[in-house]
Amino acid sequence: MSDNSHYPTLEKDKIPLSQKIVFGVGMLANQMFPAALGIFMVILVEGLGMHPLMFGLLAFIPRLFDAITDPIMGFITDNTTSRWGKRRPYVFIGAIIAGLSYVMMWQLSEDSSQLYNFFYFLGWSLVFFLGMTVFSIPYVAMGYEMSNDFHERTRLMATAQWIGQWAWVLCPWFWVILYDPNWFESAPEGAKSLSLWVGLGCMCLALVPAIFCTYNNTSSGAPVQTIDRKKIKETFSVFIQGIVTTFKCKPFRKICLATFLVFNTFNTIAMFSFFIIVHYMNGGVTADAGLWPTLFGSVSALLTCFLVIPTVTWLSQKFGKKQTFLLSQAISIIGYVLFWWCFSPENPALMFIPLPFYTFGIGGLFTIMMSMTADVCDLDELETGQRRDGTFGAIYWWMVKFGLAVAGLLTGIILSLVGFDTSLQVQTQEAMTGLRLAYILVPVCGTLLAIFIMRSYDIDEEKAHSIREQLEARRGQLATS
């Protein structure tokens, strides 16, 4: 176990609070977009009556496309030189594309055929996810570059995740707005108007780090690959080699696989909470469900902000990142299991009992894993002489997004397998039992596998400090402890 005073953070490694906040505002946009999308996506099934398998394809195809473009964007941003830096121009452009396309994506009509709505939504989804790639990959890499310190990286990511979590506090309230007849006559009509505020609002938030995030404390002087259209074959060869080299890094593979399992098994069943609350606890009447779906999401996010992130940050600095990950995931399993009894039609408030346990799974995941990835970037630089924060960020999020694509498809498949019928208000008992079992078993299995994988992760504070000393000696800057 590493002590939090073993290697005190040097003054030069401390990130100004203003820059932590500016970076964190970008994380709010980075999480607000997918959080809002998850809420709005329910409309495709509940409001437009789309078949579960068509819904699954709409969740799968754009994210698969997103997973393909992420490594390409990582290579491009790592090897860009401009007067504004290698990250900020892309963050700026991506924010605008994502914001405008989000608005267009939800201009759907109940009068149009399912096939028309399917292809319209699919087309704009591809544009939206391309914009998110152009924004998010360089944005995440900015965070990796802001400090060399083992614990300051965790504090930066904790600050960013704390700010970003407010997306999950706010977005569940969109359910209230979309399904309240006093606001809109139908949820699809509500989505047309609300998407304007969400898309443009998130765009403004995403532009903040592009304009104001100027702090960079990781300058390796490593060479970059000139991207020349005349030498496309050579450039492509370097790109592929970079991907292969990235996957050869064993600690990074563990981080990716563990994140894939925890985050994407969670996302496979995330939407089921809405269906369970509405159809199991309230007989399929959305109005009767009232604020329960909204409160479920908001209270979860508030617990993440004020319980999970502070606790995980403290534990990480006291006992190390790996031990904190293993403990937080074990706690989350308790929460998932409790839901079998706590999703109760007789007493809806019981569903809040598992939340302090359940939120440790996702709530602490990215605080720890993004900080770990920054440490891995140092290890890679020591071994290869290249600084490839963008590529590592891209591959990491490639795993996340590919998993999201699989999760979206599995969501549709599970709904279909358990017999969930979008045309029925009252679902069968078998369908509800299957949905409740899936809500527990899928993420518990994923979490147990992730714990098994991460048990042998070996970059602790001692090793990270040793890597840093060797890097700074190479750069002619001897680190002091």
Protein backbone atom coordinates (compact mmCIF):
# COMPACT_ATOMS: atom_id res chain seq x y z
CA MET A 1 0.00 0.00 0.00
CA SER A 2 1.25 3.47 -0.82
CA ASP A 3 0.98 6.31 1.66
CA ASN A 4 -0.48 9.60 0.49
CA SER A 5 2.62 11.48 1.76
CA HIS A 6 5.18 9.11 0.25
CA TYR A 7 5.92 11.41 -2.68
CA PRO A 8 4.51 14.89 -1.98
CA THR A 9 3.23 16.72 -5.06
CA LEU A 10 5.81 19.24 -6.26
CA GLU A 11 4.68 22.81 -6.72
CA LYS A 12 5.43 22.68 -10.45
CA ASP A 13 3.13 19.65 -10.83
CA LYS A 14 0.08 21.27 -9.23
CA ILE A 15 -2.64 22.25 -11.67
CA PRO A 16 -4.27 25.63 -10.93
CA LEU A 17 -7.82 25.24 -9.65
CA SER A 18 -9.12 27.48 -12.44
CA GLN A 19 -7.68 25.11 -15.03
CA LYS A 20 -9.13 22.06 -13.25
CA ILE A 21 -12.55 23.73 -13.40
CA VAL A 22 -12.18 24.73 -17.06
CA PHE A 23 -11.21 21.17 -17.92
CA GLY A 24 -14.11 19.90 -15.80
CA VAL A 25 -16.64 22.02 -17.70
CA GLY A 26 -15.61 20.09 -20.80
CA MET A 27 -16.31 16.86 -18.90
CA LEU A 28 -19.80 18.16 -18.14
CA ALA A 29 -20.38 18.44 -21.90
CA ASN A 30 -18.68 15.09 -22.51
CA GLN A 31 -21.12 13.41 -20.11
CA MET A 32 -24.17 15.60 -20.80
CA PHE A 33 -24.34 14.51 -24.44
CA PRO A 34 -24.52 10.73 -23.75
CA ALA A 35 -26.65 11.23 -20.61
CA ALA A 36 -29.23 13.21 -22.55
CA LEU A 37 -29.04 10.77 -25.45
CA GLY A 38 -29.81 7.88 -23.10
CA ILE A 39 -32.92 9.67 -21.82
CA PHE A 40 -34.10 10.69 -25.27
CA MET A 41 -33.52 7.20 -26.70
CA VAL A 42 -36.41 5.85 -24.62
CA ILE A 43 -38.68 7.90 -26.91
CA LEU A 44 -37.81 5.64 -29.86
CA VAL A 45 -39.47 2.72 -28.06
CA GLU A 46 -42.04 4.38 -25.79
CA GLY A 47 -43.00 7.33 -28.03
CA LEU A 48 -42.49 6.10 -31.59
CA GLY A 49 -43.15 2.39 -31.00
CA MET A 50 -39.94 1.28 -32.68
CA HIS A 51 -39.28 -2.46 -32.67
CA PRO A 52 -36.67 -3.47 -30.03
CA LEU A 53 -34.32 -4.94 -32.66
CA MET A 54 -34.47 -1.74 -34.73
CA PHE A 55 -33.76 0.17 -31.53
CA GLY A 56 -30.83 -2.14 -30.86
CA LEU A 57 -29.39 -1.43 -34.31
CA LEU A 58 -29.70 2.32 -33.76
CA ALA A 59 -27.72 1.93 -30.57
CA PHE A 60 -25.18 -0.43 -32.18
CA ILE A 61 -24.31 0.99 -35.62
CA PRO A 62 -23.38 4.60 -34.69
CA ARG A 63 -21.27 3.45 -31.76
CA LEU A 64 -19.50 0.89 -33.91
CA PHE A 65 -18.74 3.72 -36.37
CA ASP A 66 -17.58 5.81 -33.41
CA ALA A 67 -15.26 3.03 -32.26
CA ILE A 68 -13.64 2.90 -35.71
CA THR A 69 -13.04 6.65 -35.94
CA ASP A 70 -11.60 7.05 -32.42
CA PRO A 71 -8.13 5.53 -33.10
CA ILE A 72 -7.86 7.56 -36.31
CA MET A 73 -8.64 10.76 -34.38
CA GLY A 74 -6.13 9.81 -31.70
CA PHE A 75 -3.38 9.44 -34.31
CA ILE A 76 -4.32 12.73 -35.98
CA THR A 77 -4.34 14.78 -32.77
CA ASP A 78 -1.07 13.25 -31.51
CA ASN A 79 0.64 14.28 -34.73
CA THR A 80 -0.87 17.72 -35.24
CA THR A 81 1.17 20.91 -34.93
CA SER A 82 -0.54 24.30 -34.95
CA ARG A 83 -0.29 27.70 -33.30
CA TRP A 84 -3.18 26.66 -31.03
CA GLY A 85 -1.63 23.32 -30.06
CA LYS A 86 -2.44 19.75 -31.04
CA ARG A 87 -5.72 19.39 -29.13
CA ARG A 88 -7.70 22.63 -28.88
CA PRO A 89 -8.61 23.16 -32.57
CA TYR A 90 -10.26 19.74 -32.74
CA VAL A 91 -12.08 20.23 -29.44
CA PHE A 92 -13.52 23.47 -30.89
CA ILE A 93 -14.62 21.94 -34.22
CA GLY A 94 -15.99 18.75 -32.65
CA ALA A 95 -18.08 20.70 -30.15
CA ILE A 96 -19.88 22.56 -32.93
CA ILE A 97 -20.52 19.44 -35.05
CA ALA A 98 -21.86 17.47 -32.05
CA GLY A 99 -24.10 20.27 -30.80
CA LEU A 100 -25.78 21.04 -34.13
CA SER A 101 -26.22 17.40 -35.17
CA TYR A 102 -27.80 16.53 -31.81
CA VAL A 103 -30.55 19.03 -32.55
CA MET A 104 -31.13 17.64 -36.05
CA MET A 105 -31.15 14.04 -34.82
CA TRP A 106 -34.36 14.55 -32.82
CA GLN A 107 -36.49 16.26 -35.45
CA LEU A 108 -38.54 13.07 -35.73
CA SER A 109 -42.28 12.78 -36.41
CA GLU A 110 -44.88 10.31 -35.17
CA ASP A 111 -46.53 10.59 -38.61
CA SER A 112 -43.47 9.22 -40.40
CA SER A 113 -43.00 5.51 -40.94
CA GLN A 114 -40.74 3.45 -38.68
CA LEU A 115 -38.39 2.88 -41.60
CA TYR A 116 -38.09 6.61 -42.34
CA ASN A 117 -37.47 7.47 -38.68
CA PHE A 118 -34.93 4.66 -38.47
CA PHE A 119 -32.79 5.90 -41.37
CA TYR A 120 -33.23 9.59 -40.52
CA PHE A 121 -32.09 9.00 -36.96
CA LEU A 122 -29.25 6.72 -38.09
CA GLY A 123 -27.88 9.30 -40.55
CA TRP A 124 -27.75 12.16 -38.04
CA SER A 125 -26.46 9.80 -35.34
CA LEU A 126 -23.40 9.07 -37.48
CA VAL A 127 -22.73 12.80 -37.85
CA PHE A 128 -23.23 13.33 -34.11
CA PHE A 129 -20.86 10.55 -33.11
CA LEU A 130 -18.25 11.81 -35.56
CA GLY A 131 -18.47 15.21 -33.87
CA MET A 132 -18.13 13.58 -30.47
CA THR A 133 -15.00 11.76 -31.63
CA VAL A 134 -13.42 14.96 -32.93
CA PHE A 135 -14.23 16.65 -29.61
CA SER A 136 -13.68 13.96 -26.99
CA ILE A 137 -10.45 12.24 -28.05
CA PRO A 138 -8.27 15.39 -28.00
CA TYR A 139 -10.17 16.65 -24.96
CA VAL A 140 -9.34 13.55 -22.91
CA ALA A 141 -5.70 13.71 -24.06
CA MET A 142 -5.52 17.29 -22.74
CA GLY A 143 -6.21 15.91 -19.27
CA TYR A 144 -3.44 13.32 -19.50
CA GLU A 145 -0.96 16.08 -20.31
CA MET A 146 -1.82 18.50 -17.50
CA SER A 147 0.38 16.99 -14.77
CA ASN A 148 3.24 14.54 -14.26
CA ASP A 149 2.24 13.75 -10.67
CA PHE A 150 0.67 10.39 -9.72
CA HIS A 151 -1.88 11.88 -7.29
CA GLU A 152 -2.45 15.24 -8.98
CA ARG A 153 -3.74 13.31 -11.97
CA THR A 154 -6.31 11.63 -9.73
CA ARG A 155 -7.30 14.99 -8.23
CA LEU A 156 -7.73 16.47 -11.72
CA MET A 157 -9.89 13.56 -12.88
CA ALA A 158 -11.86 13.65 -9.61
CA THR A 159 -12.61 17.35 -10.15
CA ALA A 160 -13.61 16.73 -13.76
CA GLN A 161 -15.76 13.72 -12.88
CA TRP A 162 -17.42 15.65 -10.04
CA ILE A 163 -18.43 18.43 -12.43
CA GLY A 164 -19.36 15.92 -15.14
CA GLN A 165 -21.63 13.99 -12.78
CA TRP A 166 -24.04 16.90 -12.69
CA ALA A 167 -25.08 15.80 -16.17
CA TRP A 168 -26.56 12.68 -14.57
CA VAL A 169 -28.27 14.77 -11.91
CA LEU A 170 -29.91 17.06 -14.46
CA CYS A 171 -30.71 14.75 -17.37
CA PRO A 172 -33.20 12.44 -15.59
CA TRP A 173 -35.43 15.49 -15.18
CA PHE A 174 -35.82 15.51 -18.96
CA TRP A 175 -38.16 12.55 -18.46
CA VAL A 176 -40.48 14.82 -16.49
CA ILE A 177 -40.41 17.49 -19.19
CA LEU A 178 -40.83 15.10 -22.10
CA TYR A 179 -43.71 13.10 -20.61
CA ASP A 180 -45.63 15.92 -18.94
CA PRO A 181 -48.67 16.79 -21.13
CA ASN A 182 -48.60 20.31 -19.69
CA TRP A 183 -45.30 20.83 -21.47
CA PHE A 184 -45.78 18.92 -24.71
CA GLU A 185 -48.63 16.95 -26.25
CA SER A 186 -46.28 14.01 -26.88
CA ALA A 187 -42.72 12.96 -26.02
CA PRO A 188 -41.52 13.04 -29.68
CA GLU A 189 -42.81 16.61 -29.98
CA GLY A 190 -41.05 17.47 -26.75
CA ALA A 191 -37.79 16.04 -28.06
CA LYS A 192 -37.88 18.39 -31.05
CA SER A 193 -37.87 21.45 -28.80
CA LEU A 194 -35.81 20.20 -25.87
CA SER A 195 -33.03 18.95 -28.17
CA LEU A 196 -32.42 22.54 -29.25
CA TRP A 197 -31.61 23.59 -25.70
CA VAL A 198 -29.62 20.45 -24.95
CA GLY A 199 -27.61 20.47 -28.18
CA LEU A 200 -26.69 24.16 -28.15
CA GLY A 201 -26.17 24.21 -24.37
CA CYS A 202 -23.77 21.26 -24.50
CA MET A 203 -21.99 22.82 -27.46
CA CYS A 204 -21.27 25.96 -25.41
CA LEU A 205 -19.96 23.86 -22.50
CA ALA A 206 -17.73 21.84 -24.85
CA LEU A 207 -16.22 25.02 -26.27
CA VAL A 208 -14.95 26.14 -22.83
CA PRO A 209 -11.82 23.91 -22.70
CA ALA A 210 -11.07 24.67 -26.36
CA ILE A 211 -10.91 28.38 -25.57
CA PHE A 212 -9.66 28.54 -21.97
CA CYS A 213 -7.78 25.29 -21.17
CA THR A 214 -4.17 26.30 -21.81
CA TYR A 215 -2.27 24.48 -19.04
CA ASN A 216 0.14 21.75 -20.15
CA ASN A 217 2.77 20.28 -17.83
CA THR A 218 3.76 17.22 -19.88
CA SER A 219 6.14 18.27 -22.62
CA SER A 220 8.28 15.38 -23.82
CA GLY A 221 9.68 16.82 -27.01
CA ALA A 222 8.96 13.45 -28.61
CA PRO A 223 8.88 13.43 -32.43
CA VAL A 224 5.60 13.54 -34.34
CA GLN A 225 4.62 11.84 -37.56
CA THR A 226 4.03 14.25 -40.41
CA ILE A 227 0.62 13.54 -41.93
CA ASP A 228 1.22 13.85 -45.65
CA ARG A 229 -1.40 12.85 -48.23
CA LYS A 230 1.43 12.09 -50.66
CA LYS A 231 2.82 9.50 -48.26
CA ILE A 232 -0.48 8.01 -47.21
CA LYS A 233 0.84 4.42 -47.26
CA GLU A 234 3.73 5.29 -44.94
CA THR A 235 1.43 7.30 -42.65
CA PHE A 236 -1.07 4.44 -42.50
CA SER A 237 1.71 2.01 -41.64
CA VAL A 238 2.83 4.23 -38.74
CA PHE A 239 -0.80 4.53 -37.59
CA ILE A 240 -1.29 0.74 -37.54
CA GLN A 241 2.04 0.21 -35.80
CA GLY A 242 1.02 2.71 -33.14
CA ILE A 243 -2.22 0.81 -32.51
CA VAL A 244 -0.34 -2.49 -32.23
CA THR A 245 2.24 -0.98 -29.86
CA THR A 246 -0.53 0.46 -27.69
CA PHE A 247 -2.22 -2.92 -27.32
CA LYS A 248 1.11 -4.52 -26.40
CA CYS A 249 1.15 -2.51 -23.17
CA LYS A 250 -0.07 -5.09 -20.63
CA PRO A 251 -1.24 -2.68 -17.87
CA PHE A 252 -3.20 -0.71 -20.45
CA ARG A 253 -4.90 -3.87 -21.75
CA LYS A 254 -6.06 -4.60 -18.21
CA ILE A 255 -7.47 -1.06 -17.81
CA CYS A 256 -9.33 -1.33 -21.12
CA LEU A 257 -10.80 -4.78 -20.48
CA ALA A 258 -11.88 -3.91 -16.95
CA THR A 259 -13.55 -0.69 -18.12
CA PHE A 260 -15.20 -2.54 -20.99
CA LEU A 261 -16.70 -5.07 -18.60
CA VAL A 262 -17.85 -2.69 -15.85
CA PHE A 263 -19.12 0.20 -17.92
CA ASN A 264 -20.70 -1.69 -20.75
CA THR A 265 -22.46 -4.38 -18.76
CA PHE A 266 -23.90 -1.48 -16.74
CA ASN A 267 -25.03 0.23 -19.95
CA THR A 268 -26.60 -2.97 -21.26
CA ILE A 269 -29.14 -2.81 -18.44
CA ALA A 270 -29.18 0.95 -17.64
CA MET A 271 -32.39 1.65 -19.55
CA PHE A 272 -34.11 -1.27 -17.83
CA SER A 273 -34.52 0.77 -14.65
CA PHE A 274 -37.04 2.97 -16.50
CA PHE A 275 -38.94 -0.04 -17.81
CA ILE A 276 -38.90 -1.78 -14.41
CA ILE A 277 -40.16 1.31 -12.59
CA VAL A 278 -42.88 1.99 -15.16
CA HIS A 279 -44.01 -1.52 -16.08
CA TYR A 280 -43.21 -3.63 -12.99
CA MET A 281 -43.81 -1.07 -10.25
CA ASN A 282 -46.56 1.03 -11.90
CA GLY A 283 -48.45 -1.31 -14.23
CA GLY A 284 -47.12 0.27 -17.43
CA VAL A 285 -48.64 3.73 -16.81
CA THR A 286 -45.87 6.30 -17.33
CA ALA A 287 -47.87 9.04 -15.59
CA ASP A 288 -48.29 6.83 -12.49
CA ALA A 289 -44.53 6.39 -12.29
CA GLY A 290 -44.34 10.12 -11.66
CA LEU A 291 -40.93 11.31 -10.52
CA TRP A 292 -39.59 7.88 -9.52
CA PRO A 293 -37.50 7.29 -12.70
CA THR A 294 -36.16 10.84 -12.47
CA LEU A 295 -35.34 10.60 -8.78
CA PHE A 296 -33.64 7.24 -9.32
CA GLY A 297 -31.19 8.81 -11.77
CA SER A 298 -30.72 12.11 -9.94
CA VAL A 299 -30.17 10.59 -6.49
CA SER A 300 -27.65 8.14 -7.99
CA ALA A 301 -25.70 11.02 -9.52
CA LEU A 302 -25.84 13.12 -6.34
CA LEU A 303 -24.48 10.20 -4.34
CA THR A 304 -21.69 9.88 -6.89
CA CYS A 305 -20.84 13.58 -6.49
CA PHE A 306 -20.94 13.82 -2.71
CA LEU A 307 -20.16 10.27 -1.56
CA VAL A 308 -18.40 8.19 -4.21
CA ILE A 309 -15.95 10.59 -5.89
CA PRO A 310 -14.64 12.13 -2.62
CA THR A 311 -14.34 8.67 -1.02
CA VAL A 312 -12.63 7.13 -4.05
CA THR A 313 -10.20 10.07 -4.32
CA TRP A 314 -9.27 9.76 -0.63
CA LEU A 315 -8.91 5.98 -0.80
CA SER A 316 -6.78 6.23 -3.94
CA GLN A 317 -4.32 8.60 -2.28
CA LYS A 318 -4.24 6.48 0.88
CA PHE A 319 -4.15 2.93 -0.46
CA GLY A 320 -3.41 3.23 -4.19
CA LYS A 321 -5.46 3.19 -7.37
CA LYS A 322 -5.69 -0.57 -7.88
CA GLN A 323 -6.87 -1.37 -4.35
CA THR A 324 -9.43 1.43 -4.57
CA PHE A 325 -10.76 0.06 -7.86
CA LEU A 326 -11.11 -3.47 -6.47
CA LEU A 327 -12.88 -2.25 -3.32
CA SER A 328 -15.26 0.13 -5.10
CA GLN A 329 -16.34 -2.56 -7.58
CA ALA A 330 -16.91 -5.10 -4.82
CA ILE A 331 -19.16 -2.60 -3.04
CA SER A 332 -21.19 -2.07 -6.24
CA ILE A 333 -22.05 -5.79 -6.42
CA ILE A 334 -23.87 -5.49 -3.09
CA GLY A 335 -26.03 -2.76 -4.60
CA TYR A 336 -26.93 -4.72 -7.72
CA VAL A 337 -28.02 -7.76 -5.68
CA LEU A 338 -30.19 -5.65 -3.36
CA PHE A 339 -32.26 -4.43 -6.31
CA TRP A 340 -34.02 -7.82 -6.50
CA TRP A 341 -35.89 -6.94 -3.31
CA CYS A 342 -35.76 -3.14 -3.50
CA PHE A 343 -37.59 -2.63 -6.81
CA SER A 344 -40.88 -2.97 -4.95
CA PRO A 345 -44.35 -2.11 -6.31
CA GLU A 346 -45.65 -1.84 -2.74
CA ASN A 347 -42.91 0.51 -1.50
CA PRO A 348 -41.12 2.37 -4.33
CA ALA A 349 -38.84 4.26 -1.93
CA LEU A 350 -36.98 1.00 -1.20
CA MET A 351 -35.17 1.40 -4.53
CA PHE A 352 -33.00 4.09 -2.93
CA ILE A 353 -31.48 1.64 -0.40
CA PRO A 354 -29.04 -0.01 -2.90
CA LEU A 355 -27.91 3.30 -4.40
CA PRO A 356 -25.05 4.12 -1.96
CA PHE A 357 -23.52 0.72 -2.88
CA TYR A 358 -24.50 0.55 -6.55
CA THR A 359 -23.05 4.00 -7.39
CA PHE A 360 -19.52 2.97 -6.41
CA GLY A 361 -19.28 0.87 -9.59
CA ILE A 362 -19.64 3.55 -12.24
CA GLY A 363 -19.09 6.53 -9.95
CA GLY A 364 -15.46 5.71 -9.20
CA LEU A 365 -14.60 3.97 -12.46
CA PHE A 366 -13.43 6.85 -14.66
CA THR A 367 -11.82 8.82 -11.83
CA ILE A 368 -9.48 5.88 -11.28
CA MET A 369 -9.13 4.59 -14.83
CA MET A 370 -8.41 7.94 -16.51
CA SER A 371 -5.74 8.63 -13.89
CA MET A 372 -4.28 5.15 -14.47
CA THR A 373 -4.21 5.77 -18.22
CA ALA A 374 -2.11 8.91 -17.72
CA ASP A 375 0.39 6.76 -15.76
CA VAL A 376 0.44 4.24 -18.61
CA CYS A 377 1.25 7.03 -21.09
CA ASP A 378 4.42 7.68 -19.08
CA LEU A 379 5.36 4.00 -19.18
CA ASP A 380 4.82 3.96 -22.94
CA GLU A 381 6.99 7.02 -23.44
CA LEU A 382 9.77 5.41 -21.42
CA GLU A 383 9.63 2.24 -23.51
CA THR A 384 9.04 3.72 -26.99
CA GLY A 385 10.28 7.33 -26.86
CA GLN A 386 6.91 8.49 -28.20
CA ARG A 387 4.32 10.62 -26.40
CA ARG A 388 0.96 9.21 -27.56
CA ASP A 389 -1.63 10.46 -25.08
CA GLY A 390 -4.20 10.90 -27.86
CA THR A 391 -3.73 7.37 -29.15
CA PHE A 392 -4.03 5.87 -25.67
CA GLY A 393 -7.12 7.96 -25.00
CA ALA A 394 -8.57 6.92 -28.33
CA ILE A 395 -7.95 3.21 -27.78
CA TYR A 396 -9.35 3.43 -24.25
CA TRP A 397 -12.52 5.14 -25.46
CA TRP A 398 -12.60 2.79 -28.45
CA MET A 399 -13.03 -0.05 -25.97
CA VAL A 400 -15.72 1.92 -24.14
CA LYS A 401 -17.61 2.85 -27.30
CA PHE A 402 -17.32 -0.53 -28.95
CA GLY A 403 -18.69 -1.94 -25.74
CA LEU A 404 -21.50 0.63 -25.84
CA ALA A 405 -22.31 -0.56 -29.35
CA VAL A 406 -22.47 -4.14 -28.10
CA ALA A 407 -24.43 -3.00 -25.04
CA GLY A 408 -26.99 -1.22 -27.20
CA LEU A 409 -27.46 -4.31 -29.31
CA LEU A 410 -27.67 -6.55 -26.23
CA THR A 411 -30.29 -4.23 -24.73
CA GLY A 412 -32.53 -4.84 -27.72
CA ILE A 413 -31.80 -8.57 -27.75
CA ILE A 414 -32.55 -8.97 -24.03
CA LEU A 415 -35.80 -7.00 -24.36
CA SER A 416 -36.78 -9.28 -27.21
CA LEU A 417 -35.70 -12.51 -25.45
CA VAL A 418 -37.60 -11.79 -22.24
CA GLY A 419 -40.71 -11.02 -24.25
CA PHE A 420 -40.95 -7.26 -23.67
CA ASP A 421 -43.62 -5.99 -26.10
CA THR A 422 -43.62 -2.25 -26.86
CA SER A 423 -47.24 -2.45 -28.04
CA LEU A 424 -48.47 -3.62 -24.62
CA GLN A 425 -49.01 -1.35 -21.64
CA VAL A 426 -49.09 -4.26 -19.20
CA GLN A 427 -46.15 -6.62 -19.69
CA THR A 428 -46.21 -10.32 -18.81
CA GLN A 429 -44.88 -11.50 -15.46
CA GLU A 430 -42.24 -13.57 -17.28
CA ALA A 431 -40.99 -10.48 -19.14
CA MET A 432 -40.65 -8.49 -15.92
CA THR A 433 -38.91 -11.34 -14.08
CA GLY A 434 -36.46 -11.73 -16.96
CA LEU A 435 -35.79 -8.00 -17.03
CA ARG A 436 -35.17 -7.85 -13.28
CA LEU A 437 -32.82 -10.83 -13.41
CA ALA A 438 -30.88 -9.31 -16.29
CA TYR A 439 -30.62 -6.03 -14.35
CA ILE A 440 -28.66 -7.87 -11.66
CA LEU A 441 -26.84 -10.75 -13.35
CA VAL A 442 -25.37 -8.91 -16.35
CA PRO A 443 -23.46 -6.18 -14.42
CA VAL A 444 -22.51 -8.51 -11.54
CA CYS A 445 -20.84 -10.94 -13.96
CA GLY A 446 -19.06 -8.08 -15.75
CA THR A 447 -17.83 -6.61 -12.46
CA LEU A 448 -16.50 -9.93 -11.15
CA LEU A 449 -14.53 -10.47 -14.37
CA ALA A 450 -13.12 -6.92 -14.14
CA ILE A 451 -11.97 -7.53 -10.55
CA PHE A 452 -10.28 -10.77 -11.66
CA ILE A 453 -8.43 -8.94 -14.48
CA MET A 454 -7.26 -5.98 -12.36
CA ARG A 455 -5.99 -8.03 -9.43
CA SER A 456 -2.52 -8.21 -11.08
CA TYR A 457 -2.28 -4.58 -12.32
CA ASP A 458 1.22 -3.47 -11.28
CA ILE A 459 1.70 0.31 -11.71
CA ASP A 460 1.62 1.63 -8.14
CA GLU A 461 2.93 4.96 -6.82
CA GLU A 462 6.46 3.62 -6.38
CA LYS A 463 6.69 2.38 -9.96
CA ALA A 464 5.04 5.52 -11.37
CA HIS A 465 7.56 7.73 -9.56
CA SER A 466 10.45 5.63 -10.83
CA ILE A 467 9.15 5.96 -14.41
CA ARG A 468 8.84 9.70 -14.00
CA GLU A 469 12.40 10.04 -12.68
CA GLN A 470 13.75 8.14 -15.68
CA LEU A 471 11.71 10.28 -18.10
CA GLU A 472 12.79 13.55 -16.56
CA ALA A 473 16.42 12.43 -16.48
CA ARG A 474 16.07 11.66 -20.20
CA ARG A 475 14.64 15.14 -20.76
CA GLY A 476 17.40 16.71 -18.64
CA GLN A 477 15.07 17.56 -15.75
CA LEU A 478 15.97 15.49 -12.67
CA ALA A 479 12.87 14.90 -10.57
CA THR A 480 13.12 15.48 -6.85
CA SER A 481 10.98 13.81 -4.25
